[in-house]
Amino acid sequence: TTVTAMESQPFIRTPACHTGHILVYEVGNHKIYGAG
């Protein structure tokens, strides 16, 4: 419903996103990452 208030702004984008592969978890000697 907030879209109509933004119609005059043609290119509205969400905040900057992650880059690279991100360390998310460590369990024992293991590391688990997320990436695109």
Full PDB file with SEQRES, HELIX, SHEET, SSBOND, CRYST1, ORIGX, SCALE, CONECT and MASTER records, all heavy atoms in Angstrom:
SEQRES   1 A   36  THR THR VAL THR ALA MET GLU SER GLN PRO PHE ILE ARG          
SEQRES   2 A   36  THR PRO ALA CYS HIS THR GLY HIS ILE LEU VAL TYR GLU          
SEQRES   3 A   36  VAL GLY ASN HIS LYS ILE TYR GLY ALA GLY                      
HELIX    1 AA1 VAL A    3  MET A    6  5                                   4    
SHEET    1 AA1 2 ILE A  22  VAL A  27  0                                        
SHEET    2 AA1 2 HIS A  30  GLY A  34 -1                                        
CRYST1    1.000    1.000    1.000  90.00  90.00  90.00 P 1           1          
ORIGX1      1.000000  0.000000  0.000000        0.00000                         
ORIGX2      0.000000  1.000000  0.000000        0.00000                         
ORIGX3      0.000000  0.000000  1.000000        0.00000                         
SCALE1      1.000000  0.000000  0.000000        0.00000                         
SCALE2      0.000000  1.000000  0.000000        0.00000                         
SCALE3      0.000000  0.000000  1.000000        0.00000                         
ATOM      1  N   THR A   1       0.814  -1.206   0.000  1.00  0.00           N  
ATOM      2  CA  THR A   1       0.000   0.000   0.000  1.00  0.00           C  
ATOM      3  C   THR A   1       0.848   1.257   0.000  1.00  0.00           C  
ATOM      4  O   THR A   1       0.347   2.341  -0.307  1.00  0.00           O  
ATOM      5  CB  THR A   1      -0.930   0.025   1.226  1.00  0.00           C  
ATOM      6  OG1 THR A   1      -0.143  -0.034   2.420  1.00  0.00           O  
ATOM      7  CG2 THR A   1      -1.915  -1.118   1.196  1.00  0.00           C  
ATOM      8  N   THR A   2       2.133   1.162   0.339  1.00  0.00           N  
ATOM      9  CA  THR A   2       2.998   2.339   0.322  1.00  0.00           C  
ATOM     10  C   THR A   2       3.510   2.655  -1.073  1.00  0.00           C  
ATOM     11  O   THR A   2       4.138   3.685  -1.282  1.00  0.00           O  
ATOM     12  CB  THR A   2       4.206   2.138   1.257  1.00  0.00           C  
ATOM     13  OG1 THR A   2       5.013   1.068   0.754  1.00  0.00           O  
ATOM     14  CG2 THR A   2       3.753   1.809   2.677  1.00  0.00           C  
ATOM     15  N   VAL A   3       3.206   1.817  -2.053  1.00  0.00           N  
ATOM     16  CA  VAL A   3       3.721   2.021  -3.408  1.00  0.00           C  
ATOM     17  C   VAL A   3       3.209   3.314  -4.012  1.00  0.00           C  
ATOM     18  O   VAL A   3       3.948   4.044  -4.663  1.00  0.00           O  
ATOM     19  CB  VAL A   3       3.343   0.824  -4.310  1.00  0.00           C  
ATOM     20  CG1 VAL A   3       3.701   1.129  -5.755  1.00  0.00           C  
ATOM     21  CG2 VAL A   3       4.058  -0.425  -3.845  1.00  0.00           C  
ATOM     22  N   THR A   4       1.925   3.644  -3.814  1.00  0.00           N  
ATOM     23  CA  THR A   4       1.347   4.816  -4.456  1.00  0.00           C  
ATOM     24  C   THR A   4       2.076   6.088  -4.051  1.00  0.00           C  
ATOM     25  O   THR A   4       2.155   7.027  -4.840  1.00  0.00           O  
ATOM     26  CB  THR A   4      -0.140   4.933  -4.078  1.00  0.00           C  
ATOM     27  OG1 THR A   4      -0.257   4.923  -2.650  1.00  0.00           O  
ATOM     28  CG2 THR A   4      -0.926   3.768  -4.658  1.00  0.00           C  
ATOM     29  N   ALA A   5       2.612   6.129  -2.848  1.00  0.00           N  
ATOM     30  CA  ALA A   5       3.328   7.319  -2.410  1.00  0.00           C  
ATOM     31  C   ALA A   5       4.685   7.446  -3.070  1.00  0.00           C  
ATOM     32  O   ALA A   5       5.318   8.495  -2.993  1.00  0.00           O  
ATOM     33  CB  ALA A   5       3.501   7.298  -0.891  1.00  0.00           C  
ATOM     34  N   MET A   6       5.116   6.389  -3.741  1.00  0.00           N  
ATOM     35  CA  MET A   6       6.445   6.385  -4.335  1.00  0.00           C  
ATOM     36  C   MET A   6       6.398   6.459  -5.854  1.00  0.00           C  
ATOM     37  O   MET A   6       7.424   6.428  -6.508  1.00  0.00           O  
ATOM     38  CB  MET A   6       7.194   5.103  -3.929  1.00  0.00           C  
ATOM     39  CG  MET A   6       7.382   4.942  -2.442  1.00  0.00           C  
ATOM     40  SD  MET A   6       8.272   3.399  -2.101  1.00  0.00           S  
ATOM     41  CE  MET A   6       8.363   3.456  -0.311  1.00  0.00           C  
ATOM     42  N   GLU A   7       5.205   6.557  -6.435  1.00  0.00           N  
ATOM     43  CA  GLU A   7       5.086   6.447  -7.884  1.00  0.00           C  
ATOM     44  C   GLU A   7       5.851   7.532  -8.616  1.00  0.00           C  
ATOM     45  O   GLU A   7       6.269   7.341  -9.757  1.00  0.00           O  
ATOM     46  CB  GLU A   7       3.611   6.471  -8.289  1.00  0.00           C  
ATOM     47  CG  GLU A   7       2.883   5.201  -7.871  1.00  0.00           C  
ATOM     48  CD  GLU A   7       1.426   5.231  -8.259  1.00  0.00           C  
ATOM     49  OE1 GLU A   7       0.954   6.290  -8.697  1.00  0.00           O  
ATOM     50  OE2 GLU A   7       0.757   4.205  -8.123  1.00  0.00           O  
ATOM     51  N   SER A   8       6.063   8.693  -7.986  1.00  0.00           N  
ATOM     52  CA  SER A   8       6.786   9.770  -8.651  1.00  0.00           C  
ATOM     53  C   SER A   8       8.289   9.553  -8.641  1.00  0.00           C  
ATOM     54  O   SER A   8       9.018  10.308  -9.253  1.00  0.00           O  
ATOM     55  CB  SER A   8       6.459  11.109  -7.971  1.00  0.00           C  
ATOM     56  OG  SER A   8       6.867  11.068  -6.615  1.00  0.00           O  
ATOM     57  N   GLN A   9       8.759   8.504  -7.921  1.00  0.00           N  
ATOM     58  CA  GLN A   9      10.178   8.207  -7.856  1.00  0.00           C  
ATOM     59  C   GLN A   9      10.429   6.918  -8.643  1.00  0.00           C  
ATOM     60  O   GLN A   9      10.146   5.840  -8.158  1.00  0.00           O  
ATOM     61  CB  GLN A   9      10.623   8.043  -6.414  1.00  0.00           C  
ATOM     62  CG  GLN A   9      10.274   9.264  -5.548  1.00  0.00           C  
ATOM     63  CD  GLN A   9      10.685   9.048  -4.112  1.00  0.00           C  
ATOM     64  OE1 GLN A   9      11.760   8.523  -3.846  1.00  0.00           O  
ATOM     65  NE2 GLN A   9       9.840   9.457  -3.192  1.00  0.00           N  
ATOM     66  N   PRO A  10      10.959   7.020  -9.875  1.00  0.00           N  
ATOM     67  CA  PRO A  10      10.978   5.866 -10.775  1.00  0.00           C  
ATOM     68  C   PRO A  10      11.921   4.743 -10.371  1.00  0.00           C  
ATOM     69  O   PRO A  10      11.696   3.614 -10.733  1.00  0.00           O  
ATOM     70  CB  PRO A  10      11.410   6.473 -12.115  1.00  0.00           C  
ATOM     71  CG  PRO A  10      12.169   7.708 -11.735  1.00  0.00           C  
ATOM     72  CD  PRO A  10      11.485   8.225 -10.509  1.00  0.00           C  
ATOM     73  N   PHE A  11      12.986   5.019  -9.642  1.00  0.00           N  
ATOM     74  CA  PHE A  11      13.946   3.962  -9.331  1.00  0.00           C  
ATOM     75  C   PHE A  11      14.294   3.986  -7.847  1.00  0.00           C  
ATOM     76  O   PHE A  11      15.344   4.477  -7.451  1.00  0.00           O  
ATOM     77  CB  PHE A  11      15.217   4.112 -10.178  1.00  0.00           C  
ATOM     78  CG  PHE A  11      14.970   3.897 -11.647  1.00  0.00           C  
ATOM     79  CD1 PHE A  11      14.906   4.954 -12.521  1.00  0.00           C  
ATOM     80  CD2 PHE A  11      14.773   2.612 -12.137  1.00  0.00           C  
ATOM     81  CE1 PHE A  11      14.658   4.742 -13.873  1.00  0.00           C  
ATOM     82  CE2 PHE A  11      14.523   2.390 -13.483  1.00  0.00           C  
ATOM     83  CZ  PHE A  11      14.471   3.461 -14.354  1.00  0.00           C  
ATOM     84  N   ILE A  12      13.394   3.456  -7.055  1.00  0.00           N  
ATOM     85  CA  ILE A  12      13.630   3.339  -5.627  1.00  0.00           C  
ATOM     86  C   ILE A  12      14.124   1.935  -5.341  1.00  0.00           C  
ATOM     87  O   ILE A  12      13.489   0.953  -5.715  1.00  0.00           O  
ATOM     88  CB  ILE A  12      12.339   3.623  -4.830  1.00  0.00           C  
ATOM     89  CG1 ILE A  12      11.927   5.070  -5.050  1.00  0.00           C  
ATOM     90  CG2 ILE A  12      12.536   3.320  -3.355  1.00  0.00           C  
ATOM     91  CD1 ILE A  12      10.631   5.443  -4.401  1.00  0.00           C  
ATOM     92  N   ARG A  13      15.247   1.831  -4.664  1.00  0.00           N  
ATOM     93  CA  ARG A  13      15.844   0.525  -4.417  1.00  0.00           C  
ATOM     94  C   ARG A  13      16.020   0.298  -2.929  1.00  0.00           C  
ATOM     95  O   ARG A  13      16.080   1.222  -2.138  1.00  0.00           O  
ATOM     96  CB  ARG A  13      17.187   0.392  -5.140  1.00  0.00           C  
ATOM     97  CG  ARG A  13      17.046   0.496  -6.656  1.00  0.00           C  
ATOM     98  CD  ARG A  13      18.369   0.218  -7.344  1.00  0.00           C  
ATOM     99  NE  ARG A  13      18.226   0.354  -8.776  1.00  0.00           N  
ATOM    100  CZ  ARG A  13      17.760  -0.590  -9.574  1.00  0.00           C  
ATOM    101  NH1 ARG A  13      17.390  -1.753  -9.087  1.00  0.00           N  
ATOM    102  NH2 ARG A  13      17.658  -0.388 -10.869  1.00  0.00           N  
ATOM    103  N   THR A  14      16.087  -0.964  -2.564  1.00  0.00           N  
ATOM    104  CA  THR A  14      16.294  -1.328  -1.175  1.00  0.00           C  
ATOM    105  C   THR A  14      17.738  -1.039  -0.779  1.00  0.00           C  
ATOM    106  O   THR A  14      18.580  -0.789  -1.627  1.00  0.00           O  
ATOM    107  CB  THR A  14      15.999  -2.829  -0.977  1.00  0.00           C  
ATOM    108  OG1 THR A  14      16.795  -3.557  -1.919  1.00  0.00           O  
ATOM    109  CG2 THR A  14      14.542  -3.131  -1.230  1.00  0.00           C  
ATOM    110  N   PRO A  15      18.072  -1.067   0.524  1.00  0.00           N  
ATOM    111  CA  PRO A  15      19.433  -0.757   0.961  1.00  0.00           C  
ATOM    112  C   PRO A  15      20.465  -1.668   0.314  1.00  0.00           C  
ATOM    113  O   PRO A  15      20.170  -2.773  -0.130  1.00  0.00           O  
ATOM    114  CB  PRO A  15      19.362  -0.991   2.479  1.00  0.00           C  
ATOM    115  CG  PRO A  15      17.927  -0.807   2.825  1.00  0.00           C  
ATOM    116  CD  PRO A  15      17.160  -1.308   1.644  1.00  0.00           C  
ATOM    117  N   ALA A  16      21.700  -1.163   0.263  1.00  0.00           N  
ATOM    118  CA  ALA A  16      22.790  -1.939  -0.334  1.00  0.00           C  
ATOM    119  C   ALA A  16      22.895  -3.306   0.324  1.00  0.00           C  
ATOM    120  O   ALA A  16      22.673  -3.467   1.520  1.00  0.00           O  
ATOM    121  CB  ALA A  16      24.102  -1.169  -0.170  1.00  0.00           C  
ATOM    122  N   CYS A  17      23.245  -4.286  -0.490  1.00  0.00           N  
ATOM    123  CA  CYS A  17      23.237  -5.667  -0.024  1.00  0.00           C  
ATOM    124  C   CYS A  17      24.657  -6.185   0.147  1.00  0.00           C  
ATOM    125  O   CYS A  17      25.634  -5.480  -0.071  1.00  0.00           O  
ATOM    126  CB  CYS A  17      22.463  -6.516  -1.032  1.00  0.00           C  
ATOM    127  SG  CYS A  17      21.858  -8.034  -0.335  1.00  0.00           S  
ATOM    128  N   HIS A  18      24.768  -7.448   0.538  1.00  0.00           N  
ATOM    129  CA  HIS A  18      26.057  -8.056   0.828  1.00  0.00           C  
ATOM    130  C   HIS A  18      26.855  -8.347  -0.444  1.00  0.00           C  
ATOM    131  O   HIS A  18      26.295  -8.462  -1.530  1.00  0.00           O  
ATOM    132  CB  HIS A  18      25.854  -9.362   1.590  1.00  0.00           C  
ATOM    133  CG  HIS A  18      25.161 -10.418   0.792  1.00  0.00           C  
ATOM    134  ND1 HIS A  18      23.804 -10.421   0.592  1.00  0.00           N  
ATOM    135  CD2 HIS A  18      25.633 -11.492   0.117  1.00  0.00           C  
ATOM    136  CE1 HIS A  18      23.471 -11.461  -0.149  1.00  0.00           C  
ATOM    137  NE2 HIS A  18      24.568 -12.122  -0.460  1.00  0.00           N  
ATOM    138  N   THR A  19      28.151  -8.449  -0.301  1.00  0.00           N  
ATOM    139  CA  THR A  19      29.023  -8.909  -1.373  1.00  0.00           C  
ATOM    140  C   THR A  19      29.962  -9.972  -0.811  1.00  0.00           C  
ATOM    141  O   THR A  19      30.159 -10.070   0.402  1.00  0.00           O  
ATOM    142  CB  THR A  19      29.859  -7.761  -1.964  1.00  0.00           C  
ATOM    143  OG1 THR A  19      30.625  -7.143  -0.916  1.00  0.00           O  
ATOM    144  CG2 THR A  19      28.964  -6.715  -2.609  1.00  0.00           C  
ATOM    145  N   GLY A  20      30.552 -10.748  -1.703  1.00  0.00           N  
ATOM    146  CA  GLY A  20      31.456 -11.799  -1.269  1.00  0.00           C  
ATOM    147  C   GLY A  20      30.721 -12.949  -0.610  1.00  0.00           C  
ATOM    148  O   GLY A  20      29.506 -13.109  -0.766  1.00  0.00           O  
ATOM    149  N   HIS A  21      31.443 -13.777   0.130  1.00  0.00           N  
ATOM    150  CA  HIS A  21      30.807 -14.842   0.896  1.00  0.00           C  
ATOM    151  C   HIS A  21      30.929 -14.487   2.378  1.00  0.00           C  
ATOM    152  O   HIS A  21      31.991 -14.121   2.866  1.00  0.00           O  
ATOM    153  CB  HIS A  21      31.401 -16.222   0.575  1.00  0.00           C  
ATOM    154  CG  HIS A  21      32.872 -16.341   0.759  1.00  0.00           C  
ATOM    155  ND1 HIS A  21      33.790 -15.729  -0.078  1.00  0.00           N  
ATOM    156  CD2 HIS A  21      33.611 -17.016   1.675  1.00  0.00           C  
ATOM    157  CE1 HIS A  21      35.018 -16.014   0.312  1.00  0.00           C  
ATOM    158  NE2 HIS A  21      34.948 -16.790   1.381  1.00  0.00           N  
ATOM    159  N   ILE A  22      29.793 -14.564   3.078  1.00  0.00           N  
ATOM    160  CA  ILE A  22      29.660 -14.049   4.435  1.00  0.00           C  
ATOM    161  C   ILE A  22      29.684 -15.194   5.433  1.00  0.00           C  
ATOM    162  O   ILE A  22      28.904 -16.151   5.314  1.00  0.00           O  
ATOM    163  CB  ILE A  22      28.338 -13.266   4.594  1.00  0.00           C  
ATOM    164  CG1 ILE A  22      28.193 -12.210   3.491  1.00  0.00           C  
ATOM    165  CG2 ILE A  22      28.257 -12.632   5.979  1.00  0.00           C  
ATOM    166  CD1 ILE A  22      29.261 -11.165   3.477  1.00  0.00           C  
ATOM    167  N   LEU A  23      30.544 -15.086   6.426  1.00  0.00           N  
ATOM    168  CA  LEU A  23      30.581 -16.087   7.490  1.00  0.00           C  
ATOM    169  C   LEU A  23      29.342 -15.931   8.363  1.00  0.00           C  
ATOM    170  O   LEU A  23      29.098 -14.866   8.924  1.00  0.00           O  
ATOM    171  CB  LEU A  23      31.845 -15.926   8.333  1.00  0.00           C  
ATOM    172  CG  LEU A  23      31.999 -16.890   9.514  1.00  0.00           C  
ATOM    173  CD1 LEU A  23      32.071 -18.336   9.039  1.00  0.00           C  
ATOM    174  CD2 LEU A  23      33.240 -16.528  10.334  1.00  0.00           C  
ATOM    175  N   VAL A  24      28.553 -16.997   8.466  1.00  0.00           N  
ATOM    176  CA  VAL A  24      27.303 -16.954   9.227  1.00  0.00           C  
ATOM    177  C   VAL A  24      27.402 -17.774  10.511  1.00  0.00           C  
ATOM    178  O   VAL A  24      26.942 -17.352  11.562  1.00  0.00           O  
ATOM    179  CB  VAL A  24      26.128 -17.458   8.358  1.00  0.00           C  
ATOM    180  CG1 VAL A  24      24.802 -17.329   9.116  1.00  0.00           C  
ATOM    181  CG2 VAL A  24      26.054 -16.693   7.046  1.00  0.00           C  
ATOM    182  N   TYR A  25      28.006 -18.949  10.424  1.00  0.00           N  
ATOM    183  CA  TYR A  25      28.092 -19.844  11.582  1.00  0.00           C  
ATOM    184  C   TYR A  25      29.499 -20.403  11.732  1.00  0.00           C  
ATOM    185  O   TYR A  25      30.220 -20.589  10.749  1.00  0.00           O  
ATOM    186  CB  TYR A  25      27.149 -21.049  11.420  1.00  0.00           C  
ATOM    187  CG  TYR A  25      25.710 -20.736  11.160  1.00  0.00           C  
ATOM    188  CD1 TYR A  25      25.096 -21.166   9.975  1.00  0.00           C  
ATOM    189  CD2 TYR A  25      24.933 -20.050  12.085  1.00  0.00           C  
ATOM    190  CE1 TYR A  25      23.764 -20.917   9.735  1.00  0.00           C  
ATOM    191  CE2 TYR A  25      23.596 -19.793  11.841  1.00  0.00           C  
ATOM    192  CZ  TYR A  25      23.016 -20.226  10.663  1.00  0.00           C  
ATOM    193  OH  TYR A  25      21.699 -19.984  10.418  1.00  0.00           O  
ATOM    194  N   GLU A  26      29.838 -20.710  12.976  1.00  0.00           N  
ATOM    195  CA  GLU A  26      31.012 -21.524  13.287  1.00  0.00           C  
ATOM    196  C   GLU A  26      30.571 -22.606  14.263  1.00  0.00           C  
ATOM    197  O   GLU A  26      29.941 -22.309  15.283  1.00  0.00           O  
ATOM    198  CB  GLU A  26      32.130 -20.687  13.900  1.00  0.00           C  
ATOM    199  CG  GLU A  26      32.738 -19.683  12.932  1.00  0.00           C  
ATOM    200  CD  GLU A  26      33.961 -18.991  13.488  1.00  0.00           C  
ATOM    201  OE1 GLU A  26      34.983 -19.669  13.694  1.00  0.00           O  
ATOM    202  OE2 GLU A  26      33.878 -17.769  13.718  1.00  0.00           O  
ATOM    203  N   VAL A  27      30.873 -23.853  13.928  1.00  0.00           N  
ATOM    204  CA  VAL A  27      30.511 -24.973  14.793  1.00  0.00           C  
ATOM    205  C   VAL A  27      31.706 -25.915  14.833  1.00  0.00           C  
ATOM    206  O   VAL A  27      32.111 -26.462  13.812  1.00  0.00           O  
ATOM    207  CB  VAL A  27      29.227 -25.685  14.304  1.00  0.00           C  
ATOM    208  CG1 VAL A  27      29.304 -26.091  12.848  1.00  0.00           C  
ATOM    209  CG2 VAL A  27      28.889 -26.862  15.198  1.00  0.00           C  
ATOM    210  N   GLY A  28      32.290 -26.096  16.012  1.00  0.00           N  
ATOM    211  CA  GLY A  28      33.518 -26.872  16.113  1.00  0.00           C  
ATOM    212  C   GLY A  28      34.611 -26.211  15.283  1.00  0.00           C  
ATOM    213  O   GLY A  28      34.867 -25.011  15.409  1.00  0.00           O  
ATOM    214  N   ASN A  29      35.250 -26.998  14.429  1.00  0.00           N  
ATOM    215  CA  ASN A  29      36.283 -26.466  13.536  1.00  0.00           C  
ATOM    216  C   ASN A  29      35.733 -26.017  12.189  1.00  0.00           C  
ATOM    217  O   ASN A  29      36.514 -25.662  11.296  1.00  0.00           O  
ATOM    218  CB  ASN A  29      37.364 -27.530  13.290  1.00  0.00           C  
ATOM    219  CG  ASN A  29      38.134 -27.859  14.549  1.00  0.00           C  
ATOM    220  OD1 ASN A  29      38.396 -26.978  15.358  1.00  0.00           O  
ATOM    221  ND2 ASN A  29      38.498 -29.127  14.719  1.00  0.00           N  
ATOM    222  N   HIS A  30      34.422 -26.054  12.036  1.00  0.00           N  
ATOM    223  CA  HIS A  30      33.816 -25.796  10.737  1.00  0.00           C  
ATOM    224  C   HIS A  30      33.262 -24.379  10.645  1.00  0.00           C  
ATOM    225  O   HIS A  30      32.774 -23.813  11.634  1.00  0.00           O  
ATOM    226  CB  HIS A  30      32.691 -26.797  10.481  1.00  0.00           C  
ATOM    227  CG  HIS A  30      33.090 -28.220  10.719  1.00  0.00           C  
ATOM    228  ND1 HIS A  30      34.274 -28.745  10.239  1.00  0.00           N  
ATOM    229  CD2 HIS A  30      32.474 -29.234  11.401  1.00  0.00           C  
ATOM    230  CE1 HIS A  30      34.377 -30.012  10.610  1.00  0.00           C  
ATOM    231  NE2 HIS A  30      33.302 -30.327  11.309  1.00  0.00           N  
ATOM    232  N   LYS A  31      33.316 -23.834   9.422  1.00  0.00           N  
ATOM    233  CA  LYS A  31      32.753 -22.521   9.141  1.00  0.00           C  
ATOM    234  C   LYS A  31      31.710 -22.661   8.031  1.00  0.00           C  
ATOM    235  O   LYS A  31      31.926 -23.402   7.067  1.00  0.00           O  
ATOM    236  CB  LYS A  31      33.847 -21.541   8.717  1.00  0.00           C  
ATOM    237  CG  LYS A  31      34.867 -21.265   9.822  1.00  0.00           C  
ATOM    238  CD  LYS A  31      35.938 -20.279   9.355  1.00  0.00           C  
ATOM    239  CE  LYS A  31      36.920 -19.983  10.469  1.00  0.00           C  
ATOM    240  NZ  LYS A  31      37.962 -19.014  10.036  1.00  0.00           N  
ATOM    241  N   ILE A  32      30.610 -21.943   8.188  1.00  0.00           N  
ATOM    242  CA  ILE A  32      29.516 -22.016   7.215  1.00  0.00           C  
ATOM    243  C   ILE A  32      29.229 -20.607   6.704  1.00  0.00           C  
ATOM    244  O   ILE A  32      29.000 -19.686   7.493  1.00  0.00           O  
ATOM    245  CB  ILE A  32      28.268 -22.646   7.838  1.00  0.00           C  
ATOM    246  CG1 ILE A  32      28.582 -24.077   8.296  1.00  0.00           C  
ATOM    247  CG2 ILE A  32      27.097 -22.639   6.848  1.00  0.00           C  
ATOM    248  CD1 ILE A  32      27.444 -24.747   9.035  1.00  0.00           C  
ATOM    249  N   TYR A  33      29.221 -20.472   5.370  1.00  0.00           N  
ATOM    250  CA  TYR A  33      29.056 -19.170   4.729  1.00  0.00           C  
ATOM    251  C   TYR A  33      27.786 -19.144   3.889  1.00  0.00           C  
ATOM    252  O   TYR A  33      27.262 -20.179   3.472  1.00  0.00           O  
ATOM    253  CB  TYR A  33      30.238 -18.878   3.802  1.00  0.00           C  
ATOM    254  CG  TYR A  33      31.592 -18.837   4.453  1.00  0.00           C  
ATOM    255  CD1 TYR A  33      32.307 -20.009   4.705  1.00  0.00           C  
ATOM    256  CD2 TYR A  33      32.190 -17.616   4.782  1.00  0.00           C  
ATOM    257  CE1 TYR A  33      33.573 -19.970   5.283  1.00  0.00           C  
ATOM    258  CE2 TYR A  33      33.459 -17.565   5.356  1.00  0.00           C  
ATOM    259  CZ  TYR A  33      34.145 -18.752   5.611  1.00  0.00           C  
ATOM    260  OH  TYR A  33      35.388 -18.711   6.179  1.00  0.00           O  
ATOM    261  N   GLY A  34      27.338 -17.941   3.587  1.00  0.00           N  
ATOM    262  CA  GLY A  34      26.288 -17.721   2.606  1.00  0.00           C  
ATOM    263  C   GLY A  34      26.821 -16.826   1.496  1.00  0.00           C  
ATOM    264  O   GLY A  34      27.681 -15.965   1.742  1.00  0.00           O  
ATOM    265  N   ALA A  35      26.302 -17.024   0.278  1.00  0.00           N  
ATOM    266  CA  ALA A  35      26.810 -16.229  -0.852  1.00  0.00           C  
ATOM    267  C   ALA A  35      25.826 -16.275  -2.009  1.00  0.00           C  
ATOM    268  O   ALA A  35      24.916 -17.108  -2.058  1.00  0.00           O  
ATOM    269  CB  ALA A  35      28.178 -16.754  -1.307  1.00  0.00           C  
ATOM    270  N   GLY A  36      26.043 -15.359  -2.952  1.00  0.00           N  
ATOM    271  CA  GLY A  36      25.325 -15.365  -4.221  1.00  0.00           C  
ATOM    272  C   GLY A  36      26.332 -15.337  -5.350  1.00  0.00           C  
ATOM    273  O   GLY A  36      27.346 -14.626  -5.259  1.00  0.00           O  
TER     274      GLY A  36                                                      
MASTER        0    0    0    1    2    0    0    6  273    1    0    3          
END                                                                             
